[in-house]
Protein backbone atom coordinates (compact mmCIF):
# COMPACT_ATOMS: atom_id res chain seq x y z
CA MET A 1 -125.88 48.97 68.82
CA THR A 2 -127.24 50.92 65.86
CA ALA A 3 -125.13 52.18 62.97
CA ALA A 4 -125.63 55.70 64.34
CA ALA A 5 -124.16 54.78 67.74
CA PRO A 6 -120.53 54.38 66.54
CA ARG A 7 -120.75 57.69 64.62
CA ARG A 8 -122.22 59.34 67.71
CA GLU A 9 -119.31 58.02 69.80
CA LEU A 10 -116.82 59.27 67.20
CA LEU A 11 -118.44 62.71 67.35
CA LEU A 12 -118.30 62.73 71.15
CA GLN A 13 -114.61 61.76 71.15
CA ALA A 14 -113.77 64.31 68.45
CA ALA A 15 -115.63 67.02 70.37
CA ALA A 16 -113.91 66.07 73.64
CA ASP A 17 -110.48 66.26 72.03
CA LEU A 18 -111.22 69.57 70.31
CA PHE A 19 -112.93 71.17 73.32
CA ALA A 20 -110.03 70.06 75.55
CA ALA A 21 -107.44 71.46 73.14
CA ARG A 22 -109.11 74.71 72.09
CA GLY A 23 -112.11 75.32 74.35
CA PHE A 24 -115.82 75.00 73.64
CA HIS A 25 -116.31 78.46 72.17
CA ALA A 26 -113.33 78.20 69.79
CA VAL A 27 -114.59 74.99 68.15
CA GLY A 28 -117.20 74.95 65.41
CA ILE A 29 -119.54 72.24 64.24
CA ASP A 30 -117.53 71.96 61.01
CA ASP A 31 -114.38 71.29 63.08
CA ILE A 32 -116.13 68.50 64.98
CA GLY A 33 -117.57 66.95 61.84
CA LYS A 34 -114.20 67.04 60.06
CA ALA A 35 -112.43 65.45 63.04
CA ALA A 36 -115.04 62.66 63.04
CA GLY A 37 -114.86 62.15 59.28
CA ILE A 38 -118.18 63.70 58.28
CA THR A 39 -119.40 67.08 57.14
CA GLY A 40 -120.25 69.69 59.76
CA PRO A 41 -123.98 69.60 58.95
CA GLY A 42 -123.86 65.80 59.36
CA VAL A 43 -123.27 66.38 63.08
CA TYR A 44 -126.87 67.61 63.34
CA ARG A 45 -128.16 64.11 62.50
CA HIS A 46 -126.75 63.03 65.87
CA PHE A 47 -126.92 66.18 68.00
CA PRO A 48 -129.28 69.14 67.63
CA SER A 49 -126.52 71.63 68.52
CA LYS A 50 -122.94 72.02 69.69
CA GLN A 51 -124.42 72.80 73.10
CA ALA A 52 -126.25 69.45 73.12
CA LEU A 53 -122.98 67.73 72.23
CA LEU A 54 -121.20 69.41 75.15
CA GLU A 55 -124.04 68.52 77.51
CA SER A 56 -123.91 64.90 76.37
CA LEU A 57 -120.16 64.82 77.01
CA VAL A 58 -120.26 66.22 80.54
CA GLU A 59 -123.37 64.32 81.57
CA GLY A 60 -121.89 61.11 80.19
CA THR A 61 -118.69 61.73 82.12
CA MET A 62 -120.60 62.30 85.37
CA ASP A 63 -122.75 59.23 84.77
CA ARG A 64 -119.63 57.18 84.14
CA MET A 65 -117.96 58.44 87.32
CA LEU A 66 -121.06 57.60 89.36
CA GLY A 67 -121.57 54.24 87.68
CA LEU A 68 -118.01 53.13 88.37
CA ALA A 69 -118.12 54.31 91.99
CA LYS A 70 -121.47 52.82 92.98
CA GLY A 71 -121.17 49.52 94.73
CA THR A 72 -117.72 50.14 96.19
CA SER A 73 -117.05 51.34 99.68
CA ASP A 74 -113.27 51.01 99.51
CA LEU A 75 -111.48 54.34 99.32
CA SER A 76 -108.47 52.91 97.53
CA THR A 77 -110.72 51.53 94.79
CA LEU A 78 -112.49 54.87 94.43
CA VAL A 79 -109.13 56.64 94.13
CA ASP A 80 -107.92 54.11 91.54
CA LEU A 81 -111.10 54.52 89.49
CA GLN A 82 -110.88 58.31 89.46
CA VAL A 83 -107.15 58.29 88.74
CA SER A 84 -107.75 55.97 85.78
CA LEU A 85 -110.45 58.27 84.43
CA VAL A 86 -108.24 61.34 84.83
CA VAL A 87 -105.30 59.73 83.03
CA GLU A 88 -107.03 57.54 80.43
CA GLU A 89 -109.90 59.92 79.63
CA ARG A 90 -107.94 63.14 80.00
CA SER A 91 -109.88 65.01 77.28
CA LEU A 92 -113.25 64.12 78.81
CA ILE A 93 -112.25 65.10 82.32
CA SER A 94 -110.62 68.28 81.04
CA VAL A 95 -113.82 69.29 79.24
CA TRP A 96 -115.87 68.35 82.30
CA VAL A 97 -113.69 70.59 84.48
CA ARG A 98 -113.32 73.59 82.17
CA GLU A 99 -116.54 73.84 80.24
CA GLN A 100 -119.25 73.57 82.90
CA ARG A 101 -119.72 77.32 82.71
CA ALA A 102 -120.87 76.90 79.08
CA LEU A 103 -123.74 74.62 80.14
CA GLY A 104 -127.33 75.61 80.65
CA ASP A 105 -128.57 76.20 84.19
CA GLU A 106 -130.65 73.01 84.32
CA VAL A 107 -127.73 70.83 83.24
CA ARG A 108 -125.40 72.54 85.75
CA ARG A 109 -127.92 71.91 88.56
CA SER A 110 -128.22 68.27 87.54
CA LEU A 111 -124.44 67.89 87.48
CA ARG A 112 -124.13 69.48 90.94
CA ARG A 113 -126.70 67.02 92.33
CA ARG A 114 -124.87 64.05 90.83
CA MET A 115 -121.49 65.39 91.97
CA LYS A 116 -122.85 65.63 95.52
CA ALA A 117 -123.93 61.98 95.26
CA TYR A 118 -120.46 61.05 93.97
CA GLU A 119 -118.73 62.93 96.77
CA ALA A 120 -121.05 61.24 99.29
CA LEU A 121 -119.69 57.86 98.16
CA TRP A 122 -116.16 59.11 98.79
CA ARG A 123 -117.09 60.56 102.21
CA GLU A 124 -118.69 57.26 103.24
CA ALA A 125 -115.50 55.42 102.27
CA LEU A 126 -113.24 57.94 104.02
CA MET A 127 -115.29 58.31 107.22
CA PRO A 128 -114.16 55.08 108.94
CA LEU A 129 -110.55 55.89 108.09
CA ARG A 130 -110.75 59.46 109.38
CA PRO A 131 -112.84 59.41 112.59
CA ASP A 132 -111.00 62.58 113.58
CA LEU A 133 -112.94 64.58 110.95
CA ASP A 134 -116.43 65.93 111.47
CA ALA A 135 -118.87 66.09 108.53
CA ALA A 136 -117.78 69.55 107.35
CA HIS A 137 -114.07 68.68 107.42
CA LEU A 138 -114.75 65.36 105.71
CA ALA A 139 -116.70 67.10 102.93
CA LEU A 140 -113.94 69.67 102.38
CA THR A 141 -111.25 66.99 102.33
CA VAL A 142 -113.09 64.93 99.71
CA SER A 143 -114.01 67.94 97.57
CA ALA A 144 -110.45 69.23 97.60
CA ALA A 145 -108.96 65.83 96.75
CA LEU A 146 -111.34 65.37 93.82
CA ALA A 147 -110.76 68.92 92.58
CA MET A 148 -107.01 68.36 92.69
CA LEU A 149 -107.32 65.07 90.86
CA ASN A 150 -109.72 66.33 88.19
CA THR A 151 -107.80 69.51 87.47
CA SER A 152 -104.63 67.48 86.97
CA SER A 153 -106.21 66.58 83.61
CA LEU A 154 -105.36 70.15 82.54
CA ILE A 155 -101.64 69.66 83.15
CA ASP A 156 -99.37 68.57 80.32
CA ASN A 157 -96.84 66.17 81.73
CA PRO A 158 -94.32 63.89 79.98
CA LEU A 159 -94.71 61.04 82.46
CA PRO A 160 -95.98 57.78 80.98
CA SER A 161 -99.56 56.90 81.94
CA ALA A 162 -98.55 54.26 84.49
CA ASP A 163 -96.23 56.70 86.27
CA ARG A 164 -98.88 59.43 86.21
CA LYS A 165 -101.39 57.03 87.76
CA ASP A 166 -98.98 55.97 90.50
CA ARG A 167 -98.08 59.56 91.39
CA LEU A 168 -101.66 60.83 91.31
CA ARG A 169 -102.78 57.92 93.48
CA GLU A 170 -100.02 58.67 95.99
CA ILE A 171 -100.82 62.40 96.05
CA THR A 172 -104.56 61.79 96.39
CA LEU A 173 -104.21 59.33 99.26
CA ALA A 174 -101.82 61.74 100.98
CA SER A 175 -104.31 64.60 100.55
CA LEU A 176 -106.96 62.50 102.24
CA GLY A 177 -104.77 62.38 105.32
CA ARG A 178 -104.27 59.23 107.26
CA ALA A 179 -106.37 57.23 104.82
CA SER A 180 -103.55 54.92 103.80
CA GLU A 181 -102.61 54.34 107.45
CA GLY A 182 -106.23 53.57 108.29
CA ARG A 183 -106.47 51.15 105.40
CA ARG A 184 -103.41 49.29 106.63
CA ARG A 185 -104.84 49.05 110.16
CA THR A 186 -108.06 47.45 108.94
CA ALA A 187 -106.42 45.12 106.39
């Protein structure tokens, strides 16, 4: 890892926290630099623009979601992975949910393609547990469950992280229907 990599990661975390708290358009480069312990213009050594920083955040979040999900076909594991991201990386998921409209068209198209791939992994895991659903119903069920989970990052809640995870897992499995019953039948 280069010396620039830790600074870059600090900038990404600072930007995620600020964008989540105040919104992309309300945050300036100077704000990001200050939060990361450098001058605003120093940000440009790592990112050519605030837009590039936002794009790096949301693309990194999508890549992380896909990377964690690939290789698993167990719905419960997929739910646990997404719940952990939503709770532990709340700022990142919040920015990913709220600020996509601030992205360029090419980045939005790329994110949509990767989100479709991510949802496909969930549909493949849910399909054997929900043979009662055709492809369209399966797609809607998965999309709705993920939207519910991801937008929960926007909710301030006093529950400790472990309790939030447990409740979100329970709600998500319930929203997927008989998934938990199907998992018990095959276990």
